[in-house]
Amino acid sequence: MERGIAGFLRSLEQKNASAHTLKAYRTDLEQFAAYLGQDAAENARGRGARQWNAVDHVSIRGFLAQLYDRGLSKPSIARALAAVRSLFRYLAREGMVKQNPALLVATPRLPKKLPRVPTVEELNRVLDSPLPERAAFPERDRLIFELLYGCGIRNSELININLDHIRSGQQAILVRGKGKKERLAPFAEPVAAALREYLPARQRLLAECKKTAAALIVNRRGARLTTRSVGRIVKAIAVAKGLSPDLHPHTLRHAFGTHLLEEGADLRSIQELLGHERLATTQRYTQLSTRKVMEVYDETHPRAK
């Protein structure tokens, strides 16, 4: 069973799956394998503790029930089921099983929650004013905010930007997205200004640390920043500036797409800028924009009051 999971994860690596996906799937499948071993040990027949062909849809439902009992959220359980389905697809291709029992298990119904996107005015208020005094590295923190909102990049893409990925002459940054796909993310003068302020400060920091770094965004020790650290920085700035404490890096990406759409950009262009593989993913922003239109209607139309 362990060999089957290891082979599946290697196949994902060969397809350039993201490190985040690999880590999540590995965790989910290790828990699944542990559950199957426990389930077989408790079964008087002890059937198939280490045989994939012995796993049926009842076993998979039992695994999901255990996750529910442990208090996992529906999105986490849906992801675990997706990992199991993908695993069995791989096992079927390799001839290790005859069918995919996970296809008989329904995905948990997820609530259709649309993220609350800050308005243009709210974000301008943050970006056009000094950062909080307690900011550990204000030049870097401003650049982080400007890149996430000004370029619409993912948190994982942000931390993987290297200094030589900046194309100053084109006013663009080379971004490596999901599946290691590359795209050029254009940036405007606010990002350029933030870069001009940050790069000398970055150089001084590295000189003090006696280090060199390929990464554009570094911590106070001169090492590449982590996605978790970026999340903490964004949240701290948001709270200090009166925005929702729920604001996180991906919220700024949503704001980028939503505000482009509200200003008249077409979906295909937004798709390219965000690096979405499917247009259906980009179409979520039409829902966000429609919600904003309805709020304006409710607040302003005489017959809606």
Protein backbone atom coordinates (compact mmCIF):
# COMPACT_ATOMS: atom_id res chain seq x y z
CA MET A 1 0.00 0.00 0.00
CA GLU A 2 2.84 2.38 0.84
CA ARG A 3 4.44 1.64 -2.54
CA GLY A 4 1.19 2.50 -4.32
CA ILE A 5 0.97 5.88 -2.59
CA ALA A 6 4.66 6.61 -3.21
CA GLY A 7 4.27 5.80 -6.90
CA PHE A 8 1.23 8.03 -7.18
CA LEU A 9 3.03 10.96 -5.54
CA ARG A 10 6.00 10.49 -7.88
CA SER A 11 3.61 10.65 -10.83
CA LEU A 12 2.28 13.96 -9.52
CA GLU A 13 5.81 15.32 -9.22
CA GLN A 14 6.48 14.35 -12.83
CA LYS A 15 3.36 16.32 -13.83
CA ASN A 16 4.80 19.39 -12.04
CA ALA A 17 2.16 19.43 -9.31
CA SER A 18 2.73 22.22 -6.81
CA ALA A 19 4.55 21.56 -3.54
CA HIS A 20 1.38 22.53 -1.68
CA THR A 21 -0.68 19.91 -3.56
CA LEU A 22 1.94 17.21 -2.98
CA LYS A 23 2.10 17.95 0.74
CA ALA A 24 -1.69 17.98 1.12
CA TYR A 25 -2.20 14.75 -0.87
CA ARG A 26 0.60 13.00 1.01
CA THR A 27 -0.99 13.90 4.36
CA ASP A 28 -4.48 12.83 3.23
CA LEU A 29 -3.32 9.51 1.78
CA GLU A 30 -1.14 8.63 4.77
CA GLN A 31 -4.21 9.14 6.96
CA PHE A 32 -6.26 7.02 4.56
CA ALA A 33 -3.72 4.19 4.68
CA ALA A 34 -3.61 4.37 8.48
CA TYR A 35 -7.41 4.18 8.60
CA LEU A 36 -7.48 1.15 6.31
CA GLY A 37 -4.96 -0.65 8.51
CA GLN A 38 -6.95 0.18 11.63
CA ASP A 39 -10.24 -0.82 9.96
CA ALA A 40 -8.83 -4.17 8.86
CA ALA A 41 -7.40 -4.86 12.31
CA GLU A 42 -10.81 -4.24 13.89
CA ASN A 43 -12.56 -6.42 11.31
CA ALA A 44 -12.81 -10.02 12.47
CA ARG A 45 -12.06 -11.23 8.97
CA GLY A 46 -9.03 -8.94 8.78
CA ARG A 47 -9.67 -8.59 5.10
CA GLY A 48 -7.08 -6.88 2.96
CA ALA A 49 -5.22 -4.68 5.40
CA ARG A 50 -2.61 -4.06 2.71
CA GLN A 51 -4.47 -4.88 -0.51
CA TRP A 52 -5.90 -2.10 -2.67
CA ASN A 53 -8.40 -4.41 -4.35
CA ALA A 54 -10.00 -5.05 -0.97
CA VAL A 55 -10.90 -1.37 -0.56
CA ASP A 56 -14.49 -0.58 -1.47
CA HIS A 57 -16.74 2.49 -1.32
CA VAL A 58 -17.88 1.52 2.18
CA SER A 59 -14.28 1.73 3.42
CA ILE A 60 -13.87 5.16 1.85
CA ARG A 61 -17.10 6.41 3.41
CA GLY A 62 -15.87 5.12 6.75
CA PHE A 63 -12.66 7.10 6.29
CA LEU A 64 -14.61 10.28 5.53
CA ALA A 65 -16.86 9.64 8.55
CA GLN A 66 -13.76 9.45 10.72
CA LEU A 67 -12.63 12.83 9.35
CA TYR A 68 -16.05 14.29 10.19
CA ASP A 69 -15.78 12.90 13.73
CA ARG A 70 -12.41 14.59 14.11
CA GLY A 71 -14.02 17.92 13.28
CA LEU A 72 -12.48 18.53 9.85
CA SER A 73 -14.23 21.05 7.64
CA LYS A 74 -16.15 20.08 4.52
CA PRO A 75 -13.51 21.58 2.19
CA SER A 76 -10.79 19.52 3.91
CA ILE A 77 -12.88 16.35 3.61
CA ALA A 78 -13.64 17.09 -0.05
CA ARG A 79 -9.91 17.49 -0.68
CA ALA A 80 -9.20 14.14 1.03
CA LEU A 81 -11.79 12.45 -1.18
CA ALA A 82 -10.24 14.08 -4.26
CA ALA A 83 -6.85 12.68 -3.21
CA VAL A 84 -8.31 9.18 -2.84
CA ARG A 85 -10.05 9.40 -6.23
CA SER A 86 -6.85 10.52 -7.92
CA LEU A 87 -4.93 7.73 -6.23
CA PHE A 88 -7.33 5.06 -7.52
CA ARG A 89 -7.21 6.53 -11.03
CA TYR A 90 -3.45 6.06 -10.90
CA LEU A 91 -3.76 2.53 -9.50
CA ALA A 92 -6.21 1.61 -12.28
CA ARG A 93 -3.81 2.90 -14.95
CA GLU A 94 -1.05 0.82 -13.39
CA GLY A 95 -3.25 -2.28 -13.37
CA MET A 96 -3.21 -2.53 -9.58
CA VAL A 97 -7.02 -2.26 -9.24
CA LYS A 98 -9.90 -3.01 -11.60
CA GLN A 99 -12.13 -0.07 -10.69
CA ASN A 100 -12.26 3.19 -8.76
CA PRO A 101 -14.48 2.71 -5.68
CA ALA A 102 -14.14 6.41 -4.79
CA LEU A 103 -16.39 7.28 -7.74
CA LEU A 104 -19.31 5.80 -5.78
CA VAL A 105 -18.75 8.25 -2.91
CA ALA A 106 -20.45 11.64 -3.18
CA THR A 107 -18.40 14.78 -2.62
CA PRO A 108 -19.53 16.76 0.46
CA ARG A 109 -21.73 19.65 -0.60
CA LEU A 110 -19.73 22.81 -0.05
CA PRO A 111 -21.31 26.16 0.81
CA LYS A 112 -21.04 28.66 -2.04
CA LYS A 113 -19.17 31.34 -0.17
CA LEU A 114 -17.88 34.32 -2.08
CA PRO A 115 -14.98 36.15 -0.46
CA ARG A 116 -15.59 39.66 0.77
CA VAL A 117 -13.40 41.81 -1.46
CA PRO A 118 -12.14 45.20 -0.20
CA THR A 119 -13.22 48.18 -2.27
CA VAL A 120 -10.85 50.22 -4.41
CA GLU A 121 -11.14 53.04 -1.88
CA GLU A 122 -10.22 50.78 1.05
CA LEU A 123 -7.12 49.44 -0.67
CA ASN A 124 -6.05 52.89 -1.86
CA ARG A 125 -6.34 54.08 1.73
CA VAL A 126 -3.90 51.35 2.79
CA LEU A 127 -1.45 51.83 -0.05
CA ASP A 128 -1.46 55.64 -0.14
CA SER A 129 -0.70 56.09 3.56
CA PRO A 130 2.32 55.21 5.73
CA LEU A 131 2.49 51.66 6.97
CA PRO A 132 2.01 50.95 10.69
CA GLU A 133 4.94 52.00 12.87
CA ARG A 134 5.35 48.44 14.13
CA ALA A 135 6.08 47.14 10.61
CA ALA A 136 9.35 45.21 10.87
CA PHE A 137 10.46 45.96 7.30
CA PRO A 138 8.18 48.68 5.88
CA GLU A 139 9.77 48.87 2.41
CA ARG A 140 9.36 45.12 1.94
CA ASP A 141 5.87 45.01 3.43
CA ARG A 142 4.63 47.75 1.12
CA LEU A 143 6.09 45.91 -1.87
CA ILE A 144 4.32 42.71 -0.79
CA PHE A 145 0.98 44.51 -0.69
CA GLU A 146 1.62 46.25 -4.01
CA LEU A 147 2.62 43.02 -5.78
CA LEU A 148 -0.30 40.97 -4.46
CA TYR A 149 -2.87 43.60 -5.41
CA GLY A 150 -1.07 45.32 -8.29
CA CYS A 151 -0.15 42.10 -10.13
CA GLY A 152 -2.79 39.67 -8.84
CA ILE A 153 -0.19 37.00 -8.11
CA ARG A 154 -0.60 34.08 -5.72
CA ASN A 155 1.18 33.99 -2.36
CA SER A 156 3.23 30.98 -3.52
CA GLU A 157 4.18 32.86 -6.70
CA LEU A 158 5.22 35.92 -4.70
CA ILE A 159 7.73 34.13 -2.48
CA ASN A 160 9.28 32.32 -5.46
CA ILE A 161 10.08 35.51 -7.39
CA ASN A 162 13.83 35.94 -7.76
CA LEU A 163 15.61 39.20 -8.31
CA ASP A 164 16.44 38.27 -11.90
CA HIS A 165 12.74 37.66 -12.66
CA ILE A 166 12.11 41.42 -12.70
CA ARG A 167 11.92 42.79 -16.25
CA SER A 168 12.26 46.51 -15.53
CA GLY A 169 12.37 47.48 -19.20
CA GLN A 170 9.06 45.74 -19.85
CA GLN A 171 7.59 46.71 -16.46
CA ALA A 172 6.78 43.05 -15.85
CA ILE A 173 7.77 40.18 -13.59
CA LEU A 174 8.34 36.60 -14.66
CA VAL A 175 5.97 34.50 -12.52
CA ARG A 176 6.02 30.73 -12.17
CA GLY A 177 2.50 29.59 -11.42
CA LYS A 178 0.78 26.26 -10.83
CA GLY A 179 2.35 23.36 -12.67
CA LYS A 180 5.47 25.53 -13.06
CA LYS A 181 3.80 27.41 -15.91
CA GLU A 182 5.40 30.77 -16.59
CA ARG A 183 3.76 34.08 -17.43
CA LEU A 184 4.73 37.74 -17.46
CA ALA A 185 2.81 39.78 -14.90
CA PRO A 186 2.79 43.46 -15.86
CA PHE A 187 3.10 46.10 -13.16
CA ALA A 188 2.35 49.81 -12.98
CA GLU A 189 4.18 52.75 -11.43
CA PRO A 190 3.11 52.05 -7.80
CA VAL A 191 4.86 48.66 -7.94
CA ALA A 192 7.88 50.23 -9.67
CA ALA A 193 8.08 52.89 -6.93
CA ALA A 194 7.84 50.25 -4.21
CA LEU A 195 10.66 48.30 -5.89
CA ARG A 196 12.85 51.41 -6.03
CA GLU A 197 12.39 51.90 -2.28
CA TYR A 198 12.78 48.25 -1.34
CA LEU A 199 15.80 47.14 -3.39
CA PRO A 200 18.36 49.45 -1.68
CA ALA A 201 16.93 48.47 1.73
CA ARG A 202 17.20 44.80 0.75
CA GLN A 203 20.82 45.29 -0.28
CA ARG A 204 21.67 46.99 3.03
CA LEU A 205 20.04 44.16 4.96
CA LEU A 206 21.94 41.48 3.06
CA ALA A 207 25.20 43.38 3.61
CA GLU A 208 24.52 43.50 7.36
CA CYS A 209 23.72 39.77 7.36
CA LYS A 210 26.76 39.09 5.16
CA LYS A 211 24.59 37.06 2.82
CA THR A 212 23.58 36.90 -0.80
CA ALA A 213 20.09 35.89 -1.88
CA ALA A 214 18.39 35.04 -5.16
CA ALA A 215 14.95 35.70 -3.66
CA LEU A 216 13.33 39.09 -4.19
CA ILE A 217 11.36 39.01 -0.95
CA VAL A 218 13.54 38.19 2.07
CA ASN A 219 13.09 38.12 5.83
CA ARG A 220 15.20 40.03 8.35
CA ARG A 221 17.80 37.24 8.30
CA GLY A 222 18.22 37.44 4.54
CA ALA A 223 16.38 34.19 3.76
CA ARG A 224 13.43 33.68 1.42
CA LEU A 225 10.13 34.60 3.06
CA THR A 226 7.52 31.86 3.60
CA THR A 227 3.85 31.96 2.58
CA ARG A 228 2.88 31.85 6.25
CA SER A 229 5.00 34.91 7.00
CA VAL A 230 3.43 36.77 4.07
CA GLY A 231 -0.01 35.92 5.47
CA ARG A 232 0.93 37.33 8.87
CA ILE A 233 2.31 40.53 7.33
CA VAL A 234 -0.79 41.11 5.18
CA LYS A 235 -3.14 40.47 8.11
CA ALA A 236 -1.20 42.79 10.42
CA ILE A 237 -1.34 45.63 7.90
CA ALA A 238 -5.04 45.02 7.23
CA VAL A 239 -5.96 45.12 10.92
CA ALA A 240 -3.84 48.22 11.55
CA LYS A 241 -5.57 49.99 8.64
CA GLY A 242 -9.10 49.08 9.72
CA LEU A 243 -9.73 46.31 7.19
CA SER A 244 -11.20 42.92 8.02
CA PRO A 245 -8.91 40.62 10.04
CA ASP A 246 -10.01 37.89 7.61
CA LEU A 247 -8.07 39.57 4.80
CA HIS A 248 -5.30 37.31 3.50
CA PRO A 249 -2.99 37.31 0.44
CA HIS A 250 -5.51 35.53 -1.79
CA THR A 251 -8.10 38.21 -0.94
CA LEU A 252 -5.86 40.74 -2.69
CA ARG A 253 -5.73 38.48 -5.75
CA HIS A 254 -9.53 38.34 -5.74
CA ALA A 255 -9.61 42.13 -5.43
CA PHE A 256 -7.27 42.45 -8.42
CA GLY A 257 -9.57 40.37 -10.65
CA THR A 258 -12.80 41.89 -9.35
CA HIS A 259 -11.66 45.51 -9.73
CA LEU A 260 -10.37 44.86 -13.27
CA LEU A 261 -13.76 43.44 -14.21
CA GLU A 262 -15.61 46.37 -12.63
CA GLU A 263 -13.45 48.77 -14.66
CA GLY A 264 -14.38 47.04 -17.92
CA ALA A 265 -11.64 44.44 -18.51
CA ASP A 266 -12.77 41.36 -20.43
CA LEU A 267 -12.67 37.91 -18.86
CA ARG A 268 -10.10 36.52 -21.30
CA SER A 269 -7.61 39.25 -20.40
CA ILE A 270 -8.22 38.72 -16.69
CA GLN A 271 -7.71 34.98 -17.21
CA GLU A 272 -4.29 35.63 -18.74
CA LEU A 273 -3.28 38.09 -16.04
CA LEU A 274 -4.28 35.72 -13.23
CA GLY A 275 -2.76 32.69 -14.91
CA HIS A 276 -5.97 30.66 -14.76
CA GLU A 277 -5.91 27.50 -16.85
CA ARG A 278 -9.71 27.47 -17.31
CA LEU A 279 -11.99 30.39 -18.05
CA ALA A 280 -14.57 28.88 -15.68
CA THR A 281 -12.25 29.75 -12.78
CA THR A 282 -12.10 33.37 -13.89
CA GLN A 283 -15.88 33.53 -14.23
CA ARG A 284 -16.16 33.49 -10.44
CA TYR A 285 -15.27 37.16 -10.59
CA THR A 286 -18.48 37.89 -12.47
CA GLN A 287 -20.33 36.60 -9.40
CA LEU A 288 -18.32 38.90 -7.17
CA SER A 289 -19.00 41.85 -9.46
CA THR A 290 -22.72 41.04 -9.67
CA ARG A 291 -22.94 40.97 -5.88
CA LYS A 292 -21.38 44.45 -5.74
CA VAL A 293 -23.88 45.74 -8.30
CA MET A 294 -26.76 44.37 -6.22
CA GLU A 295 -25.39 46.01 -3.08
CA VAL A 296 -25.20 49.37 -4.86
CA TYR A 297 -28.75 48.91 -6.15
CA ASP A 298 -30.08 48.07 -2.68
CA GLU A 299 -28.31 51.04 -1.13
CA THR A 300 -29.12 53.69 -3.73
CA HIS A 301 -32.31 52.96 -5.70
CA PRO A 302 -35.30 54.84 -4.21
CA ARG A 303 -37.61 51.83 -4.58
CA ALA A 304 -35.08 49.48 -2.99
CA LYS A 305 -34.85 51.39 0.29
